[in-house]
C-alpha cells in the first residue's frame, strides 16, 4: 500500500507541475555576477524547426572576465520549449555560443544568462 501511495504522489506531481527544458552549464551560485542576459522569443512556423544562436560577447564588444556558468531558462512549461546546446566556449572561457533549437512547429521563448566566475 505504501508503494501505491508513493507512485500516486509522483504521478500527481508530474501532472500538476510543468516540465520545461532548462539547462545549466558550469557553476552558477547566488554570488555569481551577471555578465549578459538575453531573452529570445521566436514565433512558431508550421512544419519548421527554428534555431537561434546567442553569442557572447556581441560583435564589437569585449569581455575580460572568465565565464563561470550559463543558465538557459525555458519559459514554456508544457514540454514544447527549445533545446539548448553549448556550441563553443562557455565556462572557463571568455566567450560562448549557445544554440537554441525549437521543436517541430513550435516557437522559442527562452532566457540565456551568462555569469562571471
PDB file of N, CA and C in Angstrom:
ATOM      1  N   UNK A   1       0.820  -1.189   0.000  1.00  0.00           N
ATOM      2  CA  UNK A   1       0.000   0.000   0.000  1.00  0.00           C
ATOM      3  C   UNK A   1       0.864   1.253   0.000  1.00  0.00           C
ATOM      4  N   UNK A   2       2.003   1.189   0.704  1.00  0.00           N
ATOM      5  CA  UNK A   2       2.894   2.339   0.772  1.00  0.00           C
ATOM      6  C   UNK A   2       3.469   2.649  -0.613  1.00  0.00           C
ATOM      7  N   UNK A   3       3.812   1.613  -1.369  1.00  0.00           N
ATOM      8  CA  UNK A   3       4.343   1.816  -2.717  1.00  0.00           C
ATOM      9  C   UNK A   3       3.306   2.480  -3.609  1.00  0.00           C
ATOM     10  N   UNK A   4       2.067   2.063  -3.486  1.00  0.00           N
ATOM     11  CA  UNK A   4       0.997   2.672  -4.267  1.00  0.00           C
ATOM     12  C   UNK A   4       0.850   4.154  -3.935  1.00  0.00           C
ATOM     13  N   UNK A   5       0.962   4.501  -2.659  1.00  0.00           N
ATOM     14  CA  UNK A   5       0.857   5.905  -2.239  1.00  0.00           C
ATOM     15  C   UNK A   5       1.989   6.744  -2.816  1.00  0.00           C
ATOM     16  N   UNK A   6       3.203   6.205  -2.810  1.00  0.00           N
ATOM     17  CA  UNK A   6       4.358   6.926  -3.355  1.00  0.00           C
ATOM     18  C   UNK A   6       4.179   7.138  -4.858  1.00  0.00           C
ATOM     19  N   UNK A   7       3.755   6.112  -5.562  1.00  0.00           N
ATOM     20  CA  UNK A   7       3.533   6.225  -7.004  1.00  0.00           C
ATOM     21  C   UNK A   7       2.437   7.248  -7.297  1.00  0.00           C
ATOM     22  N   UNK A   8       1.380   7.240  -6.518  1.00  0.00           N
ATOM     23  CA  UNK A   8       0.287   8.181  -6.698  1.00  0.00           C
ATOM     24  C   UNK A   8       0.754   9.626  -6.493  1.00  0.00           C
ATOM     25  N   UNK A   9       1.579   9.849  -5.483  1.00  0.00           N
ATOM     26  CA  UNK A   9       2.108  11.186  -5.225  1.00  0.00           C
ATOM     27  C   UNK A   9       3.002  11.637  -6.385  1.00  0.00           C
ATOM     28  N   UNK A  10       3.854  10.759  -6.880  1.00  0.00           N
ATOM     29  CA  UNK A  10       4.729  11.115  -8.003  1.00  0.00           C
ATOM     30  C   UNK A  10       3.931  11.441  -9.261  1.00  0.00           C
ATOM     31  N   UNK A  11       2.905  10.663  -9.538  1.00  0.00           N
ATOM     32  CA  UNK A  11       2.055  10.935 -10.702  1.00  0.00           C
ATOM     33  C   UNK A  11       1.367  12.286 -10.553  1.00  0.00           C
ATOM     34  N   UNK A  12       0.909  12.600  -9.366  1.00  0.00           N
ATOM     35  CA  UNK A  12       0.250  13.889  -9.119  1.00  0.00           C
ATOM     36  C   UNK A  12       1.230  15.041  -9.304  1.00  0.00           C
ATOM     37  N   UNK A  13       2.460  14.875  -8.850  1.00  0.00           N
ATOM     38  CA  UNK A  13       3.456  15.936  -9.029  1.00  0.00           C
ATOM     39  C   UNK A  13       3.744  16.197 -10.504  1.00  0.00           C
ATOM     40  N   UNK A  14       3.858  15.158 -11.300  1.00  0.00           N
ATOM     41  CA  UNK A  14       4.108  15.340 -12.728  1.00  0.00           C
ATOM     42  C   UNK A  14       2.907  15.937 -13.441  1.00  0.00           C
ATOM     43  N   UNK A  15       1.709  15.589 -12.986  1.00  0.00           N
ATOM     44  CA  UNK A  15       0.508  16.114 -13.628  1.00  0.00           C
ATOM     45  C   UNK A  15       0.306  17.588 -13.311  1.00  0.00           C
ATOM     46  N   UNK A  16       0.606  17.998 -12.086  1.00  0.00           N
ATOM     47  CA  UNK A  16       0.387  19.382 -11.668  1.00  0.00           C
ATOM     48  C   UNK A  16       1.527  20.271 -12.125  1.00  0.00           C
ATOM     49  N   UNK A  17       2.757  19.825 -11.895  1.00  0.00           N
ATOM     50  CA  UNK A  17       3.929  20.635 -12.227  1.00  0.00           C
ATOM     51  C   UNK A  17       4.202  20.614 -13.716  1.00  0.00           C
ATOM     52  N   UNK A  18       4.677  21.748 -14.221  1.00  0.00           N
ATOM     53  CA  UNK A  18       5.056  21.806 -15.623  1.00  0.00           C
ATOM     54  C   UNK A  18       6.429  21.207 -15.841  1.00  0.00           C
ATOM     55  N   UNK A  19       6.761  21.005 -17.068  1.00  0.00           N
ATOM     56  CA  UNK A  19       8.057  20.453 -17.430  1.00  0.00           C
ATOM     57  C   UNK A  19       8.666  21.380 -18.455  1.00  0.00           C
ATOM     58  N   UNK A  20       9.747  22.033 -18.095  1.00  0.00           N
ATOM     59  CA  UNK A  20      10.400  22.937 -19.034  1.00  0.00           C
ATOM     60  C   UNK A  20      11.806  22.442 -19.298  1.00  0.00           C
ATOM     61  N   UNK A  21      12.381  22.898 -20.389  1.00  0.00           N
ATOM     62  CA  UNK A  21      13.683  22.431 -20.837  1.00  0.00           C
ATOM     63  C   UNK A  21      14.776  23.410 -20.417  1.00  0.00           C
ATOM     64  N   UNK A  22      14.984  23.555 -19.114  1.00  0.00           N
ATOM     65  CA  UNK A  22      16.031  24.421 -18.589  1.00  0.00           C
ATOM     66  C   UNK A  22      17.368  23.702 -18.637  1.00  0.00           C
ATOM     67  N   UNK A  23      18.456  24.486 -18.701  1.00  0.00           N
ATOM     68  CA  UNK A  23      19.797  23.898 -18.714  1.00  0.00           C
ATOM     69  C   UNK A  23      20.752  24.826 -17.989  1.00  0.00           C
ATOM     70  N   UNK A  24      21.752  24.229 -17.357  1.00  0.00           N
ATOM     71  CA  UNK A  24      22.816  24.996 -16.715  1.00  0.00           C
ATOM     72  C   UNK A  24      24.146  24.393 -17.137  1.00  0.00           C
ATOM     73  N   UNK A  25      25.041  25.248 -17.596  1.00  0.00           N
ATOM     74  CA  UNK A  25      26.385  24.833 -17.977  1.00  0.00           C
ATOM     75  C   UNK A  25      27.355  25.502 -17.008  1.00  0.00           C
ATOM     76  N   UNK A  26      28.204  24.735 -16.361  1.00  0.00           N
ATOM     77  CA  UNK A  26      29.137  25.297 -15.394  1.00  0.00           C
ATOM     78  C   UNK A  26      28.496  25.442 -14.033  1.00  0.00           C
ATOM     79  N   UNK A  27      29.010  26.416 -13.261  1.00  0.00           N
ATOM     80  CA  UNK A  27      28.571  26.602 -11.884  1.00  0.00           C
ATOM     81  C   UNK A  27      27.986  27.999 -11.714  1.00  0.00           C
ATOM     82  N   UNK A  28      26.737  28.069 -11.303  1.00  0.00           N
ATOM     83  CA  UNK A  28      26.067  29.349 -11.039  1.00  0.00           C
ATOM     84  C   UNK A  28      25.654  29.347  -9.570  1.00  0.00           C
ATOM     85  N   UNK A  29      26.188  30.307  -8.813  1.00  0.00           N
ATOM     86  CA  UNK A  29      25.824  30.435  -7.408  1.00  0.00           C
ATOM     87  C   UNK A  29      25.061  31.736  -7.216  1.00  0.00           C
ATOM     88  N   UNK A  30      24.587  31.944  -6.005  1.00  0.00           N
ATOM     89  CA  UNK A  30      23.856  33.185  -5.759  1.00  0.00           C
ATOM     90  C   UNK A  30      24.791  34.388  -5.722  1.00  0.00           C
ATOM     91  N   UNK A  31      26.088  34.162  -5.648  1.00  0.00           N
ATOM     92  CA  UNK A  31      27.059  35.253  -5.652  1.00  0.00           C
ATOM     93  C   UNK A  31      27.622  35.534  -7.052  1.00  0.00           C
ATOM     94  N   UNK A  32      27.227  34.779  -8.038  1.00  0.00           N
ATOM     95  CA  UNK A  32      27.727  34.966  -9.398  1.00  0.00           C
ATOM     96  C   UNK A  32      27.191  36.269  -9.986  1.00  0.00           C
ATOM     97  N   UNK A  33      28.075  37.020 -10.633  1.00  0.00           N
ATOM     98  CA  UNK A  33      27.685  38.285 -11.270  1.00  0.00           C
ATOM     99  C   UNK A  33      27.218  38.019 -12.697  1.00  0.00           C
ATOM    100  N   UNK A  34      26.147  38.679 -13.088  1.00  0.00           N
ATOM    101  CA  UNK A  34      25.605  38.506 -14.435  1.00  0.00           C
ATOM    102  C   UNK A  34      26.436  39.325 -15.421  1.00  0.00           C
ATOM    103  N   UNK A  35      26.981  38.648 -16.429  1.00  0.00           N
ATOM    104  CA  UNK A  35      27.715  39.334 -17.493  1.00  0.00           C
ATOM    105  C   UNK A  35      26.783  39.739 -18.625  1.00  0.00           C
ATOM    106  N   UNK A  36      25.805  38.899 -18.912  1.00  0.00           N
ATOM    107  CA  UNK A  36      24.872  39.187 -20.003  1.00  0.00           C
ATOM    108  C   UNK A  36      23.573  38.421 -19.776  1.00  0.00           C
ATOM    109  N   UNK A  37      22.497  38.984 -20.279  1.00  0.00           N
ATOM    110  CA  UNK A  37      21.185  38.342 -20.224  1.00  0.00           C
ATOM    111  C   UNK A  37      20.480  38.653 -21.535  1.00  0.00           C
ATOM    112  N   UNK A  38      19.981  37.621 -22.195  1.00  0.00           N
ATOM    113  CA  UNK A  38      19.278  37.830 -23.466  1.00  0.00           C
ATOM    114  C   UNK A  38      18.013  36.987 -23.494  1.00  0.00           C
ATOM    115  N   UNK A  39      16.913  37.632 -23.781  1.00  0.00           N
ATOM    116  CA  UNK A  39      15.618  36.951 -23.917  1.00  0.00           C
ATOM    117  C   UNK A  39      15.375  36.726 -25.396  1.00  0.00           C
ATOM    118  N   UNK A  40      15.079  35.498 -25.776  1.00  0.00           N
ATOM    119  CA  UNK A  40      14.862  35.125 -27.169  1.00  0.00           C
ATOM    120  C   UNK A  40      13.422  34.668 -27.319  1.00  0.00           C
ATOM    121  N   UNK A  41      12.676  35.369 -28.176  1.00  0.00           N
ATOM    122  CA  UNK A  41      11.293  34.993 -28.470  1.00  0.00           C
ATOM    123  C   UNK A  41      11.150  34.893 -29.982  1.00  0.00           C
ATOM    124  N   UNK A  42      10.793  33.722 -30.456  1.00  0.00           N
ATOM    125  CA  UNK A  42      10.552  33.485 -31.886  1.00  0.00           C
ATOM    126  C   UNK A  42       9.208  32.781 -32.019  1.00  0.00           C
ATOM    127  N   UNK A  43       8.382  33.290 -32.898  1.00  0.00           N
ATOM    128  CA  UNK A  43       7.062  32.712 -33.085  1.00  0.00           C
ATOM    129  C   UNK A  43       7.135  31.470 -33.969  1.00  0.00           C
ATOM    130  N   UNK A  44       6.267  30.485 -33.727  1.00  0.00           N
ATOM    131  CA  UNK A  44       6.347  29.220 -34.460  1.00  0.00           C
ATOM    132  C   UNK A  44       5.985  29.359 -35.935  1.00  0.00           C
ATOM    133  N   UNK A  45       6.561  28.462 -36.711  1.00  0.00           N
ATOM    134  CA  UNK A  45       6.222  28.332 -38.136  1.00  0.00           C
ATOM    135  C   UNK A  45       5.812  26.887 -38.373  1.00  0.00           C
ATOM    136  N   UNK A  46       4.712  26.711 -39.027  1.00  0.00           N
ATOM    137  CA  UNK A  46       4.150  25.391 -39.235  1.00  0.00           C
ATOM    138  C   UNK A  46       5.109  24.510 -40.040  1.00  0.00           C
ATOM    139  N   UNK A  47       5.425  23.340 -39.503  1.00  0.00           N
ATOM    140  CA  UNK A  47       6.256  22.369 -40.197  1.00  0.00           C
ATOM    141  C   UNK A  47       7.736  22.697 -40.228  1.00  0.00           C
ATOM    142  N   UNK A  48       8.210  23.624 -39.376  1.00  0.00           N
ATOM    143  CA  UNK A  48       9.617  24.017 -39.400  1.00  0.00           C
ATOM    144  C   UNK A  48      10.215  23.999 -37.993  1.00  0.00           C
ATOM    145  N   UNK A  49      11.527  23.799 -37.963  1.00  0.00           N
ATOM    146  CA  UNK A  49      12.302  23.983 -36.746  1.00  0.00           C
ATOM    147  C   UNK A  49      12.890  25.388 -36.789  1.00  0.00           C
ATOM    148  N   UNK A  50      12.936  26.053 -35.654  1.00  0.00           N
ATOM    149  CA  UNK A  50      13.559  27.368 -35.571  1.00  0.00           C
ATOM    150  C   UNK A  50      14.862  27.233 -34.792  1.00  0.00           C
ATOM    151  N   UNK A  51      15.895  27.959 -35.209  1.00  0.00           N
ATOM    152  CA  UNK A  51      17.144  27.975 -34.470  1.00  0.00           C
ATOM    153  C   UNK A  51      17.576  29.416 -34.250  1.00  0.00           C
ATOM    154  N   UNK A  52      18.297  29.633 -33.160  1.00  0.00           N
ATOM    155  CA  UNK A  52      18.814  30.958 -32.859  1.00  0.00           C
ATOM    156  C   UNK A  52      20.103  30.780 -32.065  1.00  0.00           C
ATOM    157  N   UNK A  53      21.147  31.510 -32.447  1.00  0.00           N
ATOM    158  CA  UNK A  53      22.419  31.460 -31.744  1.00  0.00           C
ATOM    159  C   UNK A  53      22.569  32.687 -30.856  1.00  0.00           C
ATOM    160  N   UNK A  54      22.832  32.449 -29.583  1.00  0.00           N
ATOM    161  CA  UNK A  54      23.150  33.527 -28.647  1.00  0.00           C
ATOM    162  C   UNK A  54      24.667  33.570 -28.554  1.00  0.00           C
ATOM    163  N   UNK A  55      25.248  34.697 -28.968  1.00  0.00           N
ATOM    164  CA  UNK A  55      26.700  34.850 -28.997  1.00  0.00           C
ATOM    165  C   UNK A  55      27.118  35.856 -27.935  1.00  0.00           C
ATOM    166  N   UNK A  56      28.131  35.483 -27.140  1.00  0.00           N
ATOM    167  CA  UNK A  56      28.681  36.382 -26.127  1.00  0.00           C
ATOM    168  C   UNK A  56      30.186  36.391 -26.252  1.00  0.00           C
ATOM    169  N   UNK A  57      30.835  37.537 -26.289  1.00  0.00           N
ATOM    170  CA  UNK A  57      30.257  38.875 -26.341  1.00  0.00           C
ATOM    171  C   UNK A  57      29.746  39.192 -27.744  1.00  0.00           C
ATOM    172  N   UNK A  58      28.866  40.150 -27.816  1.00  0.00           N
ATOM    173  CA  UNK A  58      28.310  40.570 -29.102  1.00  0.00           C
ATOM    174  C   UNK A  58      29.409  41.167 -29.980  1.00  0.00           C
ATOM    175  N   UNK A  59      29.158  41.229 -31.263  1.00  0.00           N
ATOM    176  CA  UNK A  59      30.111  41.808 -32.203  1.00  0.00           C
ATOM    177  C   UNK A  59      30.402  43.260 -31.818  1.00  0.00           C
ATOM    178  N   UNK A  60      31.673  43.596 -31.744  1.00  0.00           N
ATOM    179  CA  UNK A  60      32.071  44.947 -31.375  1.00  0.00           C
ATOM    180  C   UNK A  60      32.274  45.149 -29.884  1.00  0.00           C
ATOM    181  N   UNK A  61      31.935  44.145 -29.074  1.00  0.00           N
ATOM    182  CA  UNK A  61      32.120  44.223 -27.628  1.00  0.00           C
ATOM    183  C   UNK A  61      33.294  43.340 -27.209  1.00  0.00           C
ATOM    184  N   UNK A  62      33.841  43.614 -26.044  1.00  0.00           N
ATOM    185  CA  UNK A  62      34.901  42.778 -25.499  1.00  0.00           C
ATOM    186  C   UNK A  62      34.487  42.286 -24.119  1.00  0.00           C
ATOM    187  N   UNK A  63      35.132  41.218 -23.684  1.00  0.00           N
ATOM    188  CA  UNK A  63      34.870  40.665 -22.360  1.00  0.00           C
ATOM    189  C   UNK A  63      36.203  40.277 -21.741  1.00  0.00           C
ATOM    190  N   UNK A  64      36.502  40.800 -20.557  1.00  0.00           N
ATOM    191  CA  UNK A  64      37.747  40.488 -19.871  1.00  0.00           C
ATOM    192  C   UNK A  64      37.561  39.515 -18.718  1.00  0.00           C
ATOM    193  N   UNK A  65      36.338  39.084 -18.467  1.00  0.00           N
ATOM    194  CA  UNK A  65      36.059  38.187 -17.344  1.00  0.00           C
ATOM    195  C   UNK A  65      35.827  36.764 -17.851  1.00  0.00           C
ATOM    196  N   UNK A  66      36.221  35.814 -17.032  1.00  0.00           N
ATOM    197  CA  UNK A  66      36.025  34.411 -17.360  1.00  0.00           C
ATOM    198  C   UNK A  66      34.594  34.001 -17.004  1.00  0.00           C
ATOM    199  N   UNK A  67      33.987  33.246 -17.887  1.00  0.00           N
ATOM    200  CA  UNK A  67      32.619  32.763 -17.663  1.00  0.00           C
ATOM    201  C   UNK A  67      32.656  31.629 -16.640  1.00  0.00           C
ATOM    202  N   UNK A  68      31.819  31.732 -15.633  1.00  0.00           N
ATOM    203  CA  UNK A  68      31.721  30.691 -14.617  1.00  0.00           C
ATOM    204  C   UNK A  68      30.550  29.755 -14.851  1.00  0.00           C
ATOM    205  N   UNK A  69      29.486  30.292 -15.443  1.00  0.00           N
ATOM    206  CA  UNK A  69      28.312  29.464 -15.684  1.00  0.00           C
ATOM    207  C   UNK A  69      27.338  30.121 -16.640  1.00  0.00           C
ATOM    208  N   UNK A  70      26.521  29.295 -17.255  1.00  0.00           N
ATOM    209  CA  UNK A  70      25.496  29.759 -18.186  1.00  0.00           C
ATOM    210  C   UNK A  70      24.195  29.075 -17.790  1.00  0.00           C
ATOM    211  N   UNK A  71      23.147  29.858 -17.663  1.00  0.00           N
ATOM    212  CA  UNK A  71      21.834  29.304 -17.334  1.00  0.00           C
ATOM    213  C   UNK A  71      20.860  29.639 -18.457  1.00  0.00           C
ATOM    214  N   UNK A  72      20.199  28.614 -18.993  1.00  0.00           N
ATOM    215  CA  UNK A  72      19.176  28.785 -20.024  1.00  0.00           C
ATOM    216  C   UNK A  72      17.835  28.431 -19.393  1.00  0.00           C
ATOM    217  N   UNK A  73      16.923  29.402 -19.382  1.00  0.00           N
ATOM    218  CA  UNK A  73      15.606  29.204 -18.785  1.00  0.00           C
ATOM    219  C   UNK A  73      14.561  29.168 -19.883  1.00  0.00           C
ATOM    220  N   UNK A  74      13.819  28.077 -19.927  1.00  0.00           N
ATOM    221  CA  UNK A  74      12.741  27.906 -20.898  1.00  0.00           C
ATOM    222  C   UNK A  74      11.451  28.418 -20.262  1.00  0.00           C
ATOM    223  N   UNK A  75      10.760  29.301 -20.937  1.00  0.00           N
ATOM    224  CA  UNK A  75       9.533  29.877 -20.386  1.00  0.00           C
ATOM    225  C   UNK A  75       8.266  29.130 -20.811  1.00  0.00           C
ATOM    226  N   UNK A  76       8.414  28.062 -21.587  1.00  0.00           N
ATOM    227  CA  UNK A  76       7.296  27.166 -21.864  1.00  0.00           C
ATOM    228  C   UNK A  76       7.313  26.088 -20.794  1.00  0.00           C
ATOM    229  N   UNK A  77       6.181  25.783 -20.199  1.00  0.00           N
ATOM    230  CA  UNK A  77       6.114  24.769 -19.144  1.00  0.00           C
ATOM    231  C   UNK A  77       5.309  23.557 -19.572  1.00  0.00           C
ATOM    232  N   UNK A  78       5.272  23.295 -20.863  1.00  0.00           N
ATOM    233  CA  UNK A  78       4.437  22.193 -21.335  1.00  0.00           C
ATOM    234  C   UNK A  78       5.193  21.266 -22.288  1.00  0.00           C
ATOM    235  N   UNK A  79       6.489  21.111 -22.076  1.00  0.00           N
ATOM    236  CA  UNK A  79       7.343  20.214 -22.865  1.00  0.00           C
ATOM    237  C   UNK A  79       7.512  20.647 -24.315  1.00  0.00           C
ATOM    238  N   UNK A  80       7.174  21.882 -24.670  1.00  0.00           N
ATOM    239  CA  UNK A  80       7.283  22.306 -26.064  1.00  0.00           C
ATOM    240  C   UNK A  80       8.381  23.344 -26.276  1.00  0.00           C
ATOM    241  N   UNK A  81       9.232  23.556 -25.278  1.00  0.00           N
ATOM    242  CA  UNK A  81      10.256  24.582 -25.370  1.00  0.00           C
ATOM    243  C   UNK A  81      11.439  24.179 -26.236  1.00  0.00           C
ATOM    244  N   UNK A  82      12.369  25.116 -26.373  1.00  0.00           N
ATOM    245  CA  UNK A  82      13.553  24.907 -27.204  1.00  0.00           C
ATOM    246  C   UNK A  82      14.628  24.143 -26.434  1.00  0.00           C
ATOM    247  N   UNK A  83      15.416  23.376 -27.175  1.00  0.00           N
ATOM    248  CA  UNK A  83      16.572  22.689 -26.625  1.00  0.00           C
ATOM    249  C   UNK A  83      17.785  23.594 -26.766  1.00  0.00           C
ATOM    250  N   UNK A  84      18.653  23.604 -25.758  1.00  0.00           N
ATOM    251  CA  UNK A  84      19.854  24.429 -25.832  1.00  0.00           C
ATOM    252  C   UNK A  84      21.088  23.538 -25.940  1.00  0.00           C
ATOM    253  N   UNK A  85      22.072  24.030 -26.700  1.00  0.00           N
ATOM    254  CA  UNK A  85      23.333  23.331 -26.870  1.00  0.00           C
ATOM    255  C   UNK A  85      24.458  24.350 -26.792  1.00  0.00           C
ATOM    256  N   UNK A  86      25.452  24.062 -25.990  1.00  0.00           N
ATOM    257  CA  UNK A  86      26.629  24.925 -25.909  1.00  0.00           C
ATOM    258  C   UNK A  86      27.562  24.527 -27.040  1.00  0.00           C
ATOM    259  N   UNK A  87      27.665  25.399 -28.059  1.00  0.00           N
ATOM    260  CA  UNK A  87      28.453  25.064 -29.247  1.00  0.00           C
ATOM    261  C   UNK A  87      29.928  25.398 -29.094  1.00  0.00           C
ATOM    262  N   UNK A  88      30.252  26.518 -28.464  1.00  0.00           N
ATOM    263  CA  UNK A  88      31.665  26.870 -28.304  1.00  0.00           C
ATOM    264  C   UNK A  88      31.847  27.716 -27.061  1.00  0.00           C
ATOM    265  N   UNK A  89      33.066  27.680 -26.530  1.00  0.00           N
ATOM    266  CA  UNK A  89      33.379  28.467 -25.349  1.00  0.00           C
ATOM    267  C   UNK A  89      32.625  27.962 -24.136  1.00  0.00           C
ATOM    268  N   UNK A  90      32.198  28.914 -23.300  1.00  0.00           N
ATOM    269  CA  UNK A  90      31.437  28.567 -22.111  1.00  0.00           C
ATOM    270  C   UNK A  90      32.255  28.707 -20.852  1.00  0.00           C
ATOM    271  N   UNK A  91      31.924  27.963 -19.806  1.00  0.00           N
ATOM    272  CA  UNK A  91      32.640  28.071 -18.535  1.00  0.00           C
ATOM    273  C   UNK A  91      34.139  27.824 -18.705  1.00  0.00           C
ATOM    274  N   UNK A  92      34.924  28.743 -18.137  1.00  0.00           N
ATOM    275  CA  UNK A  92      36.368  28.653 -18.271  1.00  0.00           C
ATOM    276  C   UNK A  92      36.915  29.470 -19.430  1.00  0.00           C
ATOM    277  N   UNK A  93      36.050  29.956 -20.287  1.00  0.00           N
ATOM    278  CA  UNK A  93      36.448  30.776 -21.430  1.00  0.00           C
ATOM    279  C   UNK A  93      35.897  32.190 -21.265  1.00  0.00           C
ATOM    280  N   UNK A  94      36.244  33.065 -22.177  1.00  0.00           N
ATOM    281  CA  UNK A  94      35.737  34.439 -22.163  1.00  0.00           C
ATOM    282  C   UNK A  94      34.699  34.671 -23.242  1.00  0.00           C
ATOM    283  N   UNK A  95      34.268  33.618 -23.894  1.00  0.00           N
ATOM    284  CA  UNK A  95      33.267  33.721 -24.950  1.00  0.00           C
ATOM    285  C   UNK A  95      32.374  32.492 -24.904  1.00  0.00           C
ATOM    286  N   UNK A  96      31.221  32.591 -25.551  1.00  0.00           N
ATOM    287  CA  UNK A  96      30.307  31.450 -25.608  1.00  0.00           C
ATOM    288  C   UNK A  96      29.345  31.614 -26.776  1.00  0.00           C
ATOM    289  N   UNK A  97      28.957  30.499 -27.355  1.00  0.00           N
ATOM    290  CA  UNK A  97      27.890  30.448 -28.348  1.00  0.00           C
ATOM    291  C   UNK A  97      26.921  29.359 -27.914  1.00  0.00           C
ATOM    292  N   UNK A  98      25.677  29.751 -27.677  1.00  0.00           N
ATOM    293  CA  UNK A  98      24.631  28.823 -27.266  1.00  0.00           C
ATOM    294  C   UNK A  98      23.596  28.761 -28.374  1.00  0.00           C
ATOM    295  N   UNK A  99      23.298  27.545 -28.839  1.00  0.00           N
ATOM    296  CA  UNK A  99      22.302  27.358 -29.880  1.00  0.00           C
ATOM    297  C   UNK A  99      20.987  26.938 -29.256  1.00  0.00           C
ATOM    298  N   UNK A 100      19.905  27.615 -29.644  1.00  0.00           N
ATOM    299  CA  UNK A 100      18.551  27.249 -29.223  1.00  0.00           C
ATOM    300  C   UNK A 100      17.829  26.687 -30.435  1.00  0.00           C
ATOM    301  N   UNK A 101      17.255  25.498 -30.289  1.00  0.00           N
ATOM    302  CA  UNK A 101      16.525  24.867 -31.386  1.00  0.00           C
ATOM    303  C   UNK A 101      15.138  24.478 -30.901  1.00  0.00           C
ATOM    304  N   UNK A 102      14.129  24.959 -31.628  1.00  0.00           N
ATOM    305  CA  UNK A 102      12.753  24.672 -31.238  1.00  0.00           C
ATOM    306  C   UNK A 102      12.368  23.256 -31.632  1.00  0.00           C
ATOM    307  N   UNK A 103      11.270  22.818 -31.105  1.00  0.00           N
ATOM    308  CA  UNK A 103      10.677  21.575 -31.552  1.00  0.00           C
ATOM    309  C   UNK A 103       9.871  21.865 -32.823  1.00  0.00           C
ATOM    310  N   UNK A 104       9.510  20.838 -33.546  1.00  0.00           N
ATOM    311  CA  UNK A 104       8.805  20.994 -34.814  1.00  0.00           C
ATOM    312  C   UNK A 104       7.504  21.769 -34.620  1.00  0.00           C
ATOM    313  N   UNK A 105       7.345  22.831 -35.406  1.00  0.00           N
ATOM    314  CA  UNK A 105       6.148  23.685 -35.390  1.00  0.00           C
ATOM    315  C   UNK A 105       5.930  24.384 -34.055  1.00  0.00           C
ATOM    316  N   UNK A 106       6.988  24.594 -33.301  1.00  0.00           N
ATOM    317  CA  UNK A 106       6.909  25.277 -32.005  1.00  0.00           C
ATOM    318  C   UNK A 106       7.820  26.495 -32.014  1.00  0.00           C
ATOM    319  N   UNK A 107       7.594  27.398 -31.104  1.00  0.00           N
ATOM    320  CA  UNK A 107       8.387  28.613 -31.019  1.00  0.00           C
ATOM    321  C   UNK A 107       9.509  28.494 -30.004  1.00  0.00           C
ATOM    322  N   UNK A 108      10.202  29.619 -29.815  1.00  0.00           N
ATOM    323  CA  UNK A 108      11.266  29.714 -28.820  1.00  0.00           C
ATOM    324  C   UNK A 108      10.904  30.837 -27.857  1.00  0.00           C
ATOM    325  N   UNK A 109      10.983  30.551 -26.577  1.00  0.00           N
ATOM    326  CA  UNK A 109      10.758  31.573 -25.541  1.00  0.00           C
ATOM    327  C   UNK A 109      11.696  31.227 -24.391  1.00  0.00           C
ATOM    328  N   UNK A 110      12.940  31.695 -24.499  1.00  0.00           N
ATOM    329  CA  UNK A 110      13.975  31.336 -23.539  1.00  0.00           C
ATOM    330  C   UNK A 110      14.776  32.553 -23.125  1.00  0.00           C
ATOM    331  N   UNK A 111      15.375  32.475 -21.956  1.00  0.00           N
ATOM    332  CA  UNK A 111      16.307  33.486 -21.480  1.00  0.00           C
ATOM    333  C   UNK A 111      17.655  32.831 -21.250  1.00  0.00           C
ATOM    334  N   UNK A 112      18.701  33.438 -21.806  1.00  0.00           N
ATOM    335  CA  UNK A 112      20.060  32.958 -21.612  1.00  0.00           C
ATOM    336  C   UNK A 112      20.791  33.951 -20.722  1.00  0.00           C
ATOM    337  N   UNK A 113      21.308  33.463 -19.599  1.00  0.00           N
ATOM    338  CA  UNK A 113      22.048  34.309 -18.655  1.00  0.00           C
ATOM    339  C   UNK A 113      23.473  33.764 -18.549  1.00  0.00           C
ATOM    340  N   UNK A 114      24.449  34.672 -18.671  1.00  0.00           N
ATOM    341  CA  UNK A 114      25.852  34.297 -18.606  1.00  0.00           C
ATOM    342  C   UNK A 114      26.444  34.949 -17.361  1.00  0.00           C
ATOM    343  N   UNK A 115      27.109  34.147 -16.528  1.00  0.00           N
ATOM    344  CA  UNK A 115      27.614  34.592 -15.242  1.00  0.00           C
ATOM    345  C   UNK A 115      29.142  34.546 -15.206  1.00  0.00           C
ATOM    346  N   UNK A 116      29.732  35.484 -14.457  1.00  0.00           N
ATOM    347  CA  UNK A 116      31.180  35.512 -14.274  1.00  0.00           C
ATOM    348  C   UNK A 116      31.603  34.471 -13.250  1.00  0.00           C
ATOM    349  N   UNK A 117      32.871  34.128 -13.283  1.00  0.00           N
ATOM    350  CA  UNK A 117      33.429  33.152 -12.353  1.00  0.00           C
ATOM    351  C   UNK A 117      33.591  33.769 -10.994  1.00  0.00           C
TER     352      UNK A 117
END
